[in-house]
Amino acid sequence: MMGEIKTIMVIDDEPKVLTEVRKLLEADQYDVITAATSRQALEFFADSGEKKVDLILIDTPMPGTEKTALFSMKPKSKMQTTTSLENFLQKPFTVEQLRDFIKNKKRN
């Protein structure tokens, strides 16, 4: 399947968020890589390359607000990454919202 997501990287400076999201995604059979900083993520990519990750979720401020969200991007995509709202999952989010968010990424 072309859009299948197997490995997800989560970048967030909140250890609790990393732990909780990792547990949830692993329970849903995803391989999860976590990074507390963008530097850790870049070091991973320098060592392993982008091909090992299907989806990246990055903690970031939402455009035009002071709220934070997970921003999604696919590293292997040749398409321009847009900052449209469907690429953001506002925090705090529920388990179901996270699952639906990732399912939506499989279709894109």
PDB file of N, CA and C in Angstrom:
ATOM      1  N   MET A   1       0.844  -1.180   0.000  1.00  0.00           N
ATOM      2  CA  MET A   1       0.000   0.000   0.000  1.00  0.00           C
ATOM      3  C   MET A   1       0.883   1.235   0.000  1.00  0.00           C
ATOM      4  N   MET A   2       0.630   2.146  -0.895  1.00  0.00           N
ATOM      5  CA  MET A   2       1.520   3.268  -1.117  1.00  0.00           C
ATOM      6  C   MET A   2       1.616   4.206   0.073  1.00  0.00           C
ATOM      7  N   GLY A   3       0.511   4.605   0.678  1.00  0.00           N
ATOM      8  CA  GLY A   3       0.540   5.589   1.739  1.00  0.00           C
ATOM      9  C   GLY A   3       0.661   5.002   3.134  1.00  0.00           C
ATOM     10  N   GLU A   4       1.112   3.771   3.245  1.00  0.00           N
ATOM     11  CA  GLU A   4       1.163   3.120   4.550  1.00  0.00           C
ATOM     12  C   GLU A   4       2.181   3.790   5.462  1.00  0.00           C
ATOM     13  N   ILE A   5       1.773   3.977   6.702  1.00  0.00           N
ATOM     14  CA  ILE A   5       2.652   4.580   7.704  1.00  0.00           C
ATOM     15  C   ILE A   5       3.032   3.489   8.694  1.00  0.00           C
ATOM     16  N   LYS A   6       4.334   3.247   8.817  1.00  0.00           N
ATOM     17  CA  LYS A   6       4.822   2.241   9.755  1.00  0.00           C
ATOM     18  C   LYS A   6       5.627   2.877  10.877  1.00  0.00           C
ATOM     19  N   THR A   7       6.437   3.874  10.542  1.00  0.00           N
ATOM     20  CA  THR A   7       7.325   4.492  11.524  1.00  0.00           C
ATOM     21  C   THR A   7       7.005   5.975  11.645  1.00  0.00           C
ATOM     22  N   ILE A   8       6.801   6.414  12.881  1.00  0.00           N
ATOM     23  CA  ILE A   8       6.461   7.810  13.154  1.00  0.00           C
ATOM     24  C   ILE A   8       7.499   8.396  14.103  1.00  0.00           C
ATOM     25  N   MET A   9       8.001   9.581  13.753  1.00  0.00           N
ATOM     26  CA  MET A   9       8.886  10.321  14.653  1.00  0.00           C
ATOM     27  C   MET A   9       8.046  11.398  15.336  1.00  0.00           C
ATOM     28  N   VAL A  10       8.199  11.515  16.658  1.00  0.00           N
ATOM     29  CA  VAL A  10       7.505  12.549  17.424  1.00  0.00           C
ATOM     30  C   VAL A  10       8.566  13.445  18.035  1.00  0.00           C
ATOM     31  N   ILE A  11       8.464  14.752  17.770  1.00  0.00           N
ATOM     32  CA  ILE A  11       9.403  15.723  18.309  1.00  0.00           C
ATOM     33  C   ILE A  11       8.620  16.667  19.212  1.00  0.00           C
ATOM     34  N   ASP A  12       8.938  16.623  20.500  1.00  0.00           N
ATOM     35  CA  ASP A  12       8.237  17.455  21.480  1.00  0.00           C
ATOM     36  C   ASP A  12       9.147  17.640  22.675  1.00  0.00           C
ATOM     37  N   ASP A  13       9.172  18.850  23.215  1.00  0.00           N
ATOM     38  CA  ASP A  13      10.056  19.119  24.355  1.00  0.00           C
ATOM     39  C   ASP A  13       9.435  18.747  25.697  1.00  0.00           C
ATOM     40  N   GLU A  14       8.198  18.228  25.670  1.00  0.00           N
ATOM     41  CA  GLU A  14       7.543  17.803  26.908  1.00  0.00           C
ATOM     42  C   GLU A  14       7.686  16.285  27.052  1.00  0.00           C
ATOM     43  N   PRO A  15       8.493  15.827  28.028  1.00  0.00           N
ATOM     44  CA  PRO A  15       8.699  14.374  28.197  1.00  0.00           C
ATOM     45  C   PRO A  15       7.399  13.594  28.368  1.00  0.00           C
ATOM     46  N   LYS A  16       6.430  14.177  29.068  1.00  0.00           N
ATOM     47  CA  LYS A  16       5.157  13.478  29.292  1.00  0.00           C
ATOM     48  C   LYS A  16       4.423  13.251  27.968  1.00  0.00           C
ATOM     49  N   VAL A  17       4.442  14.250  27.107  1.00  0.00           N
ATOM     50  CA  VAL A  17       3.788  14.108  25.791  1.00  0.00           C
ATOM     51  C   VAL A  17       4.485  13.019  24.993  1.00  0.00           C
ATOM     52  N   LEU A  18       5.815  13.031  24.971  1.00  0.00           N
ATOM     53  CA  LEU A  18       6.558  11.998  24.238  1.00  0.00           C
ATOM     54  C   LEU A  18       6.213  10.603  24.743  1.00  0.00           C
ATOM     55  N   THR A  19       6.182  10.448  26.061  1.00  0.00           N
ATOM     56  CA  THR A  19       5.888   9.135  26.656  1.00  0.00           C
ATOM     57  C   THR A  19       4.481   8.678  26.310  1.00  0.00           C
ATOM     58  N   GLU A  20       3.499   9.552  26.489  1.00  0.00           N
ATOM     59  CA  GLU A  20       2.106   9.175  26.250  1.00  0.00           C
ATOM     60  C   GLU A  20       1.838   8.883  24.772  1.00  0.00           C
ATOM     61  N   VAL A  21       2.355   9.733  23.896  1.00  0.00           N
ATOM     62  CA  VAL A  21       2.138   9.517  22.467  1.00  0.00           C
ATOM     63  C   VAL A  21       2.843   8.244  22.015  1.00  0.00           C
ATOM     64  N   ARG A  22       4.047   8.009  22.524  1.00  0.00           N
ATOM     65  CA  ARG A  22       4.771   6.774  22.177  1.00  0.00           C
ATOM     66  C   ARG A  22       3.958   5.545  22.585  1.00  0.00           C
ATOM     67  N   LYS A  23       3.449   5.521  23.824  1.00  0.00           N
ATOM     68  CA  LYS A  23       2.662   4.374  24.298  1.00  0.00           C
ATOM     69  C   LYS A  23       1.459   4.126  23.401  1.00  0.00           C
ATOM     70  N   LEU A  24       0.745   5.186  23.074  1.00  0.00           N
ATOM     71  CA  LEU A  24      -0.452   5.058  22.251  1.00  0.00           C
ATOM     72  C   LEU A  24      -0.105   4.526  20.865  1.00  0.00           C
ATOM     73  N   LEU A  25       0.897   5.126  20.235  1.00  0.00           N
ATOM     74  CA  LEU A  25       1.239   4.714  18.875  1.00  0.00           C
ATOM     75  C   LEU A  25       1.803   3.302  18.836  1.00  0.00           C
ATOM     76  N   GLU A  26       2.603   2.939  19.830  1.00  0.00           N
ATOM     77  CA  GLU A  26       3.121   1.566  19.874  1.00  0.00           C
ATOM     78  C   GLU A  26       1.994   0.564  20.085  1.00  0.00           C
ATOM     79  N   ALA A  27       0.997   0.930  20.882  1.00  0.00           N
ATOM     80  CA  ALA A  27      -0.164   0.053  21.082  1.00  0.00           C
ATOM     81  C   ALA A  27      -0.924  -0.136  19.768  1.00  0.00           C
ATOM     82  N   ASP A  28      -0.831   0.864  18.874  1.00  0.00           N
ATOM     83  CA  ASP A  28      -1.468   0.774  17.556  1.00  0.00           C
ATOM     84  C   ASP A  28      -0.527   0.186  16.509  1.00  0.00           C
ATOM     85  N   GLN A  29       0.569  -0.431  16.970  1.00  0.00           N
ATOM     86  CA  GLN A  29       1.507  -1.168  16.117  1.00  0.00           C
ATOM     87  C   GLN A  29       2.400  -0.299  15.236  1.00  0.00           C
ATOM     88  N   TYR A  30       2.623   0.948  15.620  1.00  0.00           N
ATOM     89  CA  TYR A  30       3.583   1.787  14.900  1.00  0.00           C
ATOM     90  C   TYR A  30       4.946   1.668  15.571  1.00  0.00           C
ATOM     91  N   ASP A  31       6.000   1.784  14.779  1.00  0.00           N
ATOM     92  CA  ASP A  31       7.336   1.969  15.330  1.00  0.00           C
ATOM     93  C   ASP A  31       7.462   3.456  15.608  1.00  0.00           C
ATOM     94  N   VAL A  32       7.966   3.806  16.790  1.00  0.00           N
ATOM     95  CA  VAL A  32       8.006   5.206  17.195  1.00  0.00           C
ATOM     96  C   VAL A  32       9.430   5.612  17.546  1.00  0.00           C
ATOM     97  N   ILE A  33       9.832   6.749  17.016  1.00  0.00           N
ATOM     98  CA  ILE A  33      11.113   7.359  17.348  1.00  0.00           C
ATOM     99  C   ILE A  33      10.779   8.694  17.987  1.00  0.00           C
ATOM    100  N   THR A  34      11.372   8.985  19.134  1.00  0.00           N
ATOM    101  CA  THR A  34      11.091  10.252  19.787  1.00  0.00           C
ATOM    102  C   THR A  34      12.342  11.107  19.850  1.00  0.00           C
ATOM    103  N   ALA A  35      12.125  12.417  19.866  1.00  0.00           N
ATOM    104  CA  ALA A  35      13.205  13.382  20.015  1.00  0.00           C
ATOM    105  C   ALA A  35      12.667  14.546  20.833  1.00  0.00           C
ATOM    106  N   ALA A  36      13.460  14.999  21.799  1.00  0.00           N
ATOM    107  CA  ALA A  36      13.045  16.114  22.648  1.00  0.00           C
ATOM    108  C   ALA A  36      13.409  17.461  22.029  1.00  0.00           C
ATOM    109  N   THR A  37      14.282  17.445  21.026  1.00  0.00           N
ATOM    110  CA  THR A  37      14.693  18.689  20.365  1.00  0.00           C
ATOM    111  C   THR A  37      14.829  18.451  18.870  1.00  0.00           C
ATOM    112  N   SER A  38      14.794  19.540  18.123  1.00  0.00           N
ATOM    113  CA  SER A  38      14.994  19.407  16.676  1.00  0.00           C
ATOM    114  C   SER A  38      16.416  18.938  16.389  1.00  0.00           C
ATOM    115  N   ARG A  39      17.356  19.275  17.240  1.00  0.00           N
ATOM    116  CA  ARG A  39      18.739  18.824  17.052  1.00  0.00           C
ATOM    117  C   ARG A  39      18.815  17.298  17.132  1.00  0.00           C
ATOM    118  N   GLN A  40      18.119  16.696  18.127  1.00  0.00           N
ATOM    119  CA  GLN A  40      18.105  15.233  18.223  1.00  0.00           C
ATOM    120  C   GLN A  40      17.506  14.613  16.956  1.00  0.00           C
ATOM    121  N   ALA A  41      16.450  15.224  16.445  1.00  0.00           N
ATOM    122  CA  ALA A  41      15.818  14.709  15.231  1.00  0.00           C
ATOM    123  C   ALA A  41      16.784  14.797  14.046  1.00  0.00           C
ATOM    124  N   LEU A  42      17.461  15.926  13.911  1.00  0.00           N
ATOM    125  CA  LEU A  42      18.407  16.092  12.810  1.00  0.00           C
ATOM    126  C   LEU A  42      19.563  15.107  12.920  1.00  0.00           C
ATOM    127  N   GLU A  43      20.012  14.845  14.145  1.00  0.00           N
ATOM    128  CA  GLU A  43      21.083  13.865  14.341  1.00  0.00           C
ATOM    129  C   GLU A  43      20.622  12.475  13.918  1.00  0.00           C
ATOM    130  N   PHE A  44      19.367  12.134  14.243  1.00  0.00           N
ATOM    131  CA  PHE A  44      18.823  10.845  13.824  1.00  0.00           C
ATOM    132  C   PHE A  44      18.831  10.750  12.294  1.00  0.00           C
ATOM    133  N   PHE A  45      18.355  11.801  11.627  1.00  0.00           N
ATOM    134  CA  PHE A  45      18.300  11.778  10.173  1.00  0.00           C
ATOM    135  C   PHE A  45      19.698  11.741   9.555  1.00  0.00           C
ATOM    136  N   ALA A  46      20.647  12.417  10.184  1.00  0.00           N
ATOM    137  CA  ALA A  46      22.022  12.386   9.683  1.00  0.00           C
ATOM    138  C   ALA A  46      22.587  10.971   9.769  1.00  0.00           C
ATOM    139  N   ASP A  47      22.238  10.264  10.857  1.00  0.00           N
ATOM    140  CA  ASP A  47      22.737   8.900  11.056  1.00  0.00           C
ATOM    141  C   ASP A  47      21.957   7.861  10.249  1.00  0.00           C
ATOM    142  N   SER A  48      20.638   8.021  10.185  1.00  0.00           N
ATOM    143  CA  SER A  48      19.777   6.973   9.640  1.00  0.00           C
ATOM    144  C   SER A  48      19.121   7.316   8.314  1.00  0.00           C
ATOM    145  N   GLY A  49      19.028   8.577   8.012  1.00  0.00           N
ATOM    146  CA  GLY A  49      18.367   8.990   6.773  1.00  0.00           C
ATOM    147  C   GLY A  49      16.862   9.068   6.928  1.00  0.00           C
ATOM    148  N   GLU A  50      16.240   9.843   6.056  1.00  0.00           N
ATOM    149  CA  GLU A  50      14.788  10.057   6.115  1.00  0.00           C
ATOM    150  C   GLU A  50      13.992   8.810   5.766  1.00  0.00           C
ATOM    151  N   LYS A  51      14.590   7.867   5.063  1.00  0.00           N
ATOM    152  CA  LYS A  51      13.844   6.706   4.588  1.00  0.00           C
ATOM    153  C   LYS A  51      13.313   5.841   5.716  1.00  0.00           C
ATOM    154  N   LYS A  52      13.823   6.006   6.910  1.00  0.00           N
ATOM    155  CA  LYS A  52      13.376   5.181   8.037  1.00  0.00           C
ATOM    156  C   LYS A  52      12.099   5.710   8.684  1.00  0.00           C
ATOM    157  N   VAL A  53      11.642   6.905   8.307  1.00  0.00           N
ATOM    158  CA  VAL A  53      10.485   7.542   8.944  1.00  0.00           C
ATOM    159  C   VAL A  53       9.426   7.833   7.886  1.00  0.00           C
ATOM    160  N   ASP A  54       8.172   7.451   8.188  1.00  0.00           N
ATOM    161  CA  ASP A  54       7.067   7.679   7.257  1.00  0.00           C
ATOM    162  C   ASP A  54       6.296   8.953   7.559  1.00  0.00           C
ATOM    163  N   LEU A  55       6.294   9.370   8.832  1.00  0.00           N
ATOM    164  CA  LEU A  55       5.536  10.553   9.247  1.00  0.00           C
ATOM    165  C   LEU A  55       6.257  11.200  10.414  1.00  0.00           C
ATOM    166  N   ILE A  56       6.332  12.524  10.408  1.00  0.00           N
ATOM    167  CA  ILE A  56       6.936  13.268  11.513  1.00  0.00           C
ATOM    168  C   ILE A  56       5.856  14.136  12.131  1.00  0.00           C
ATOM    169  N   LEU A  57       5.753  14.080  13.469  1.00  0.00           N
ATOM    170  CA  LEU A  57       4.845  14.947  14.220  1.00  0.00           C
ATOM    171  C   LEU A  57       5.708  15.876  15.072  1.00  0.00           C
ATOM    172  N   ILE A  58       5.609  17.176  14.819  1.00  0.00           N
ATOM    173  CA  ILE A  58       6.467  18.163  15.479  1.00  0.00           C
ATOM    174  C   ILE A  58       5.611  19.097  16.317  1.00  0.00           C
ATOM    175  N   ASP A  59       6.013  19.287  17.580  1.00  0.00           N
ATOM    176  CA  ASP A  59       5.348  20.249  18.447  1.00  0.00           C
ATOM    177  C   ASP A  59       5.692  21.654  17.957  1.00  0.00           C
ATOM    178  N   THR A  60       4.665  22.450  17.696  1.00  0.00           N
ATOM    179  CA  THR A  60       4.901  23.792  17.169  1.00  0.00           C
ATOM    180  C   THR A  60       3.722  24.704  17.506  1.00  0.00           C
ATOM    181  N   PRO A  61       3.942  26.015  17.545  1.00  0.00           N
ATOM    182  CA  PRO A  61       2.804  26.922  17.710  1.00  0.00           C
ATOM    183  C   PRO A  61       1.916  26.867  16.467  1.00  0.00           C
ATOM    184  N   MET A  62       0.606  26.970  16.671  1.00  0.00           N
ATOM    185  CA  MET A  62      -0.310  27.010  15.534  1.00  0.00           C
ATOM    186  C   MET A  62      -0.232  28.393  14.896  1.00  0.00           C
ATOM    187  N   PRO A  63      -0.333  28.458  13.580  1.00  0.00           N
ATOM    188  CA  PRO A  63      -0.273  29.762  12.910  1.00  0.00           C
ATOM    189  C   PRO A  63      -1.371  30.703  13.398  1.00  0.00           C
ATOM    190  N   GLY A  64      -0.980  31.897  13.737  1.00  0.00           N
ATOM    191  CA  GLY A  64      -1.952  32.918  14.124  1.00  0.00           C
ATOM    192  C   GLY A  64      -2.510  32.786  15.533  1.00  0.00           C
ATOM    193  N   THR A  65      -1.997  31.843  16.333  1.00  0.00           N
ATOM    194  CA  THR A  65      -2.489  31.688  17.704  1.00  0.00           C
ATOM    195  C   THR A  65      -1.308  31.463  18.636  1.00  0.00           C
ATOM    196  N   GLU A  66      -1.599  31.432  19.914  1.00  0.00           N
ATOM    197  CA  GLU A  66      -0.567  31.092  20.889  1.00  0.00           C
ATOM    198  C   GLU A  66      -0.684  29.637  21.336  1.00  0.00           C
ATOM    199  N   LYS A  67      -1.598  28.896  20.716  1.00  0.00           N
ATOM    200  CA  LYS A  67      -1.798  27.489  21.066  1.00  0.00           C
ATOM    201  C   LYS A  67      -0.761  26.630  20.362  1.00  0.00           C
ATOM    202  N   THR A  68      -0.439  25.501  20.999  1.00  0.00           N
ATOM    203  CA  THR A  68       0.504  24.583  20.370  1.00  0.00           C
ATOM    204  C   THR A  68      -0.242  23.406  19.752  1.00  0.00           C
ATOM    205  N   ALA A  69       0.457  22.748  18.832  1.00  0.00           N
ATOM    206  CA  ALA A  69      -0.147  21.636  18.104  1.00  0.00           C
ATOM    207  C   ALA A  69       0.958  20.725  17.617  1.00  0.00           C
ATOM    208  N   LEU A  70       0.567  19.526  17.208  1.00  0.00           N
ATOM    209  CA  LEU A  70       1.480  18.656  16.489  1.00  0.00           C
ATOM    210  C   LEU A  70       1.294  18.944  15.005  1.00  0.00           C
ATOM    211  N   PHE A  71       2.379  19.269  14.342  1.00  0.00           N
ATOM    212  CA  PHE A  71       2.362  19.521  12.905  1.00  0.00           C
ATOM    213  C   PHE A  71       2.875  18.267  12.210  1.00  0.00           C
ATOM    214  N   SER A  72       2.172  17.822  11.186  1.00  0.00           N
ATOM    215  CA  SER A  72       2.565  16.585  10.511  1.00  0.00           C
ATOM    216  C   SER A  72       3.216  16.878   9.176  1.00  0.00           C
ATOM    217  N   MET A  73       4.238  16.071   8.875  1.00  0.00           N
ATOM    218  CA  MET A  73       4.854  16.140   7.561  1.00  0.00           C
ATOM    219  C   MET A  73       5.408  14.775   7.204  1.00  0.00           C
ATOM    220  N   LYS A  74       5.439  14.506   5.919  1.00  0.00           N
ATOM    221  CA  LYS A  74       5.989  13.242   5.426  1.00  0.00           C
ATOM    222  C   LYS A  74       7.352  13.544   4.813  1.00  0.00           C
ATOM    223  N   PRO A  75       8.408  13.020   5.400  1.00  0.00           N
ATOM    224  CA  PRO A  75       9.745  13.377   4.931  1.00  0.00           C
ATOM    225  C   PRO A  75      10.069  12.900   3.527  1.00  0.00           C
ATOM    226  N   LYS A  76       9.453  11.831   3.079  1.00  0.00           N
ATOM    227  CA  LYS A  76       9.774  11.278   1.766  1.00  0.00           C
ATOM    228  C   LYS A  76       8.963  11.926   0.648  1.00  0.00           C
ATOM    229  N   SER A  77       8.026  12.764   1.007  1.00  0.00           N
ATOM    230  CA  SER A  77       7.146  13.375   0.017  1.00  0.00           C
ATOM    231  C   SER A  77       7.905  14.392  -0.820  1.00  0.00           C
ATOM    232  N   LYS A  78       7.700  14.339  -2.112  1.00  0.00           N
ATOM    233  CA  LYS A  78       8.298  15.322  -3.009  1.00  0.00           C
ATOM    234  C   LYS A  78       7.409  16.559  -3.116  1.00  0.00           C
ATOM    235  N   MET A  79       6.207  16.463  -2.563  1.00  0.00           N
ATOM    236  CA  MET A  79       5.285  17.596  -2.614  1.00  0.00           C
ATOM    237  C   MET A  79       5.682  18.637  -1.581  1.00  0.00           C
ATOM    238  N   GLN A  80       5.336  19.866  -1.859  1.00  0.00           N
ATOM    239  CA  GLN A  80       5.598  20.954  -0.923  1.00  0.00           C
ATOM    240  C   GLN A  80       4.747  20.751   0.330  1.00  0.00           C
ATOM    241  N   THR A  81       5.373  20.834   1.495  1.00  0.00           N
ATOM    242  CA  THR A  81       4.621  20.735   2.740  1.00  0.00           C
ATOM    243  C   THR A  81       3.892  22.047   2.967  1.00  0.00           C
ATOM    244  N   THR A  82       2.601  21.951   3.228  1.00  0.00           N
ATOM    245  CA  THR A  82       1.830  23.172   3.464  1.00  0.00           C
ATOM    246  C   THR A  82       1.531  23.302   4.944  1.00  0.00           C
ATOM    247  N   THR A  83       1.284  24.513   5.354  1.00  0.00           N
ATOM    248  CA  THR A  83       0.930  24.743   6.753  1.00  0.00           C
ATOM    249  C   THR A  83      -0.581  24.904   6.895  1.00  0.00           C
ATOM    250  N   SER A  84      -1.335  24.217   6.042  1.00  0.00           N
ATOM    251  CA  SER A  84      -2.789  24.277   6.152  1.00  0.00           C
ATOM    252  C   SER A  84      -3.234  23.592   7.436  1.00  0.00           C
ATOM    253  N   LEU A  85      -4.401  23.986   7.911  1.00  0.00           N
ATOM    254  CA  LEU A  85      -4.861  23.534   9.221  1.00  0.00           C
ATOM    255  C   LEU A  85      -5.015  22.027   9.340  1.00  0.00           C
ATOM    256  N   GLU A  86      -5.254  21.307   8.235  1.00  0.00           N
ATOM    257  CA  GLU A  86      -5.390  19.849   8.364  1.00  0.00           C
ATOM    258  C   GLU A  86      -4.072  19.178   8.721  1.00  0.00           C
ATOM    259  N   ASN A  87      -2.969  19.906   8.657  1.00  0.00           N
ATOM    260  CA  ASN A  87      -1.677  19.358   9.069  1.00  0.00           C
ATOM    261  C   ASN A  87      -1.369  19.615  10.541  1.00  0.00           C
ATOM    262  N   PHE A  88      -2.313  20.224  11.272  1.00  0.00           N
ATOM    263  CA  PHE A  88      -2.111  20.523  12.687  1.00  0.00           C
ATOM    264  C   PHE A  88      -3.121  19.780  13.551  1.00  0.00           C
ATOM    265  N   LEU A  89      -2.657  19.233  14.662  1.00  0.00           N
ATOM    266  CA  LEU A  89      -3.530  18.631  15.671  1.00  0.00           C
ATOM    267  C   LEU A  89      -3.322  19.431  16.945  1.00  0.00           C
ATOM    268  N   GLN A  90      -4.322  20.255  17.268  1.00  0.00           N
ATOM    269  CA  GLN A  90      -4.193  21.163  18.408  1.00  0.00           C
ATOM    270  C   GLN A  90      -4.086  20.408  19.720  1.00  0.00           C
ATOM    271  N   LYS A  91      -3.212  20.875  20.596  1.00  0.00           N
ATOM    272  CA  LYS A  91      -3.054  20.315  21.941  1.00  0.00           C
ATOM    273  C   LYS A  91      -3.989  21.050  22.884  1.00  0.00           C
ATOM    274  N   PRO A  92      -4.498  20.429  23.914  1.00  0.00           N
ATOM    275  CA  PRO A  92      -4.431  18.983  24.154  1.00  0.00           C
ATOM    276  C   PRO A  92      -5.383  18.260  23.202  1.00  0.00           C
ATOM    277  N   PHE A  93      -5.063  17.003  22.910  1.00  0.00           N
ATOM    278  CA  PHE A  93      -5.894  16.200  22.029  1.00  0.00           C
ATOM    279  C   PHE A  93      -6.221  14.889  22.720  1.00  0.00           C
ATOM    280  N   THR A  94      -7.279  14.252  22.254  1.00  0.00           N
ATOM    281  CA  THR A  94      -7.683  12.965  22.817  1.00  0.00           C
ATOM    282  C   THR A  94      -7.007  11.839  22.032  1.00  0.00           C
ATOM    283  N   VAL A  95      -7.082  10.646  22.581  1.00  0.00           N
ATOM    284  CA  VAL A  95      -6.546   9.461  21.910  1.00  0.00           C
ATOM    285  C   VAL A  95      -7.201   9.307  20.541  1.00  0.00           C
ATOM    286  N   GLU A  96      -8.504   9.448  20.482  1.00  0.00           N
ATOM    287  CA  GLU A  96      -9.222   9.277  19.215  1.00  0.00           C
ATOM    288  C   GLU A  96      -8.841  10.355  18.212  1.00  0.00           C
ATOM    289  N   GLN A  97      -8.655  11.583  18.677  1.00  0.00           N
ATOM    290  CA  GLN A  97      -8.243  12.648  17.760  1.00  0.00           C
ATOM    291  C   GLN A  97      -6.878  12.338  17.153  1.00  0.00           C
ATOM    292  N   LEU A  98      -5.954  11.821  17.967  1.00  0.00           N
ATOM    293  CA  LEU A  98      -4.636  11.464  17.452  1.00  0.00           C
ATOM    294  C   LEU A  98      -4.742  10.326  16.444  1.00  0.00           C
ATOM    295  N   ARG A  99      -5.532   9.313  16.765  1.00  0.00           N
ATOM    296  CA  ARG A  99      -5.705   8.180  15.841  1.00  0.00           C
ATOM    297  C   ARG A  99      -6.303   8.644  14.507  1.00  0.00           C
ATOM    298  N   ASP A 100      -7.350   9.472  14.589  1.00  0.00           N
ATOM    299  CA  ASP A 100      -7.988   9.968  13.368  1.00  0.00           C
ATOM    300  C   ASP A 100      -7.023  10.828  12.549  1.00  0.00           C
ATOM    301  N   PHE A 101      -6.228  11.629  13.235  1.00  0.00           N
ATOM    302  CA  PHE A 101      -5.250  12.491  12.580  1.00  0.00           C
ATOM    303  C   PHE A 101      -4.256  11.648  11.767  1.00  0.00           C
ATOM    304  N   ILE A 102      -3.760  10.587  12.371  1.00  0.00           N
ATOM    305  CA  ILE A 102      -2.792   9.722  11.682  1.00  0.00           C
ATOM    306  C   ILE A 102      -3.466   8.939  10.556  1.00  0.00           C
ATOM    307  N   LYS A 103      -4.687   8.462  10.790  1.00  0.00           N
ATOM    308  CA  LYS A 103      -5.427   7.760   9.714  1.00  0.00           C
ATOM    309  C   LYS A 103      -5.588   8.672   8.509  1.00  0.00           C
ATOM    310  N   ASN A 104      -5.868   9.947   8.741  1.00  0.00           N
ATOM    311  CA  ASN A 104      -6.010  10.906   7.655  1.00  0.00           C
ATOM    312  C   ASN A 104      -4.709  11.066   6.887  1.00  0.00           C
ATOM    313  N   LYS A 105      -3.588  10.971   7.566  1.00  0.00           N
ATOM    314  CA  LYS A 105      -2.285  11.087   6.909  1.00  0.00           C
ATOM    315  C   LYS A 105      -2.004   9.889   6.011  1.00  0.00           C
ATOM    316  N   LYS A 106      -2.563   8.734   6.349  1.00  0.00           N
ATOM    317  CA  LYS A 106      -2.375   7.532   5.518  1.00  0.00           C
ATOM    318  C   LYS A 106      -2.999   7.734   4.135  1.00  0.00           C
ATOM    319  N   ARG A 107      -4.093   8.478   4.098  1.00  0.00           N
ATOM    320  CA  ARG A 107      -4.813   8.673   2.840  1.00  0.00           C
ATOM    321  C   ARG A 107      -4.144   9.713   1.951  1.00  0.00           C
ATOM    322  N   ASN A 108      -3.328  10.560   2.540  1.00  0.00           N
ATOM    323  CA  ASN A 108      -2.701  11.654   1.768  1.00  0.00           C
ATOM    324  C   ASN A 108      -1.363  11.260   1.218  1.00  0.00           C
TER     325      ASN A 108
END
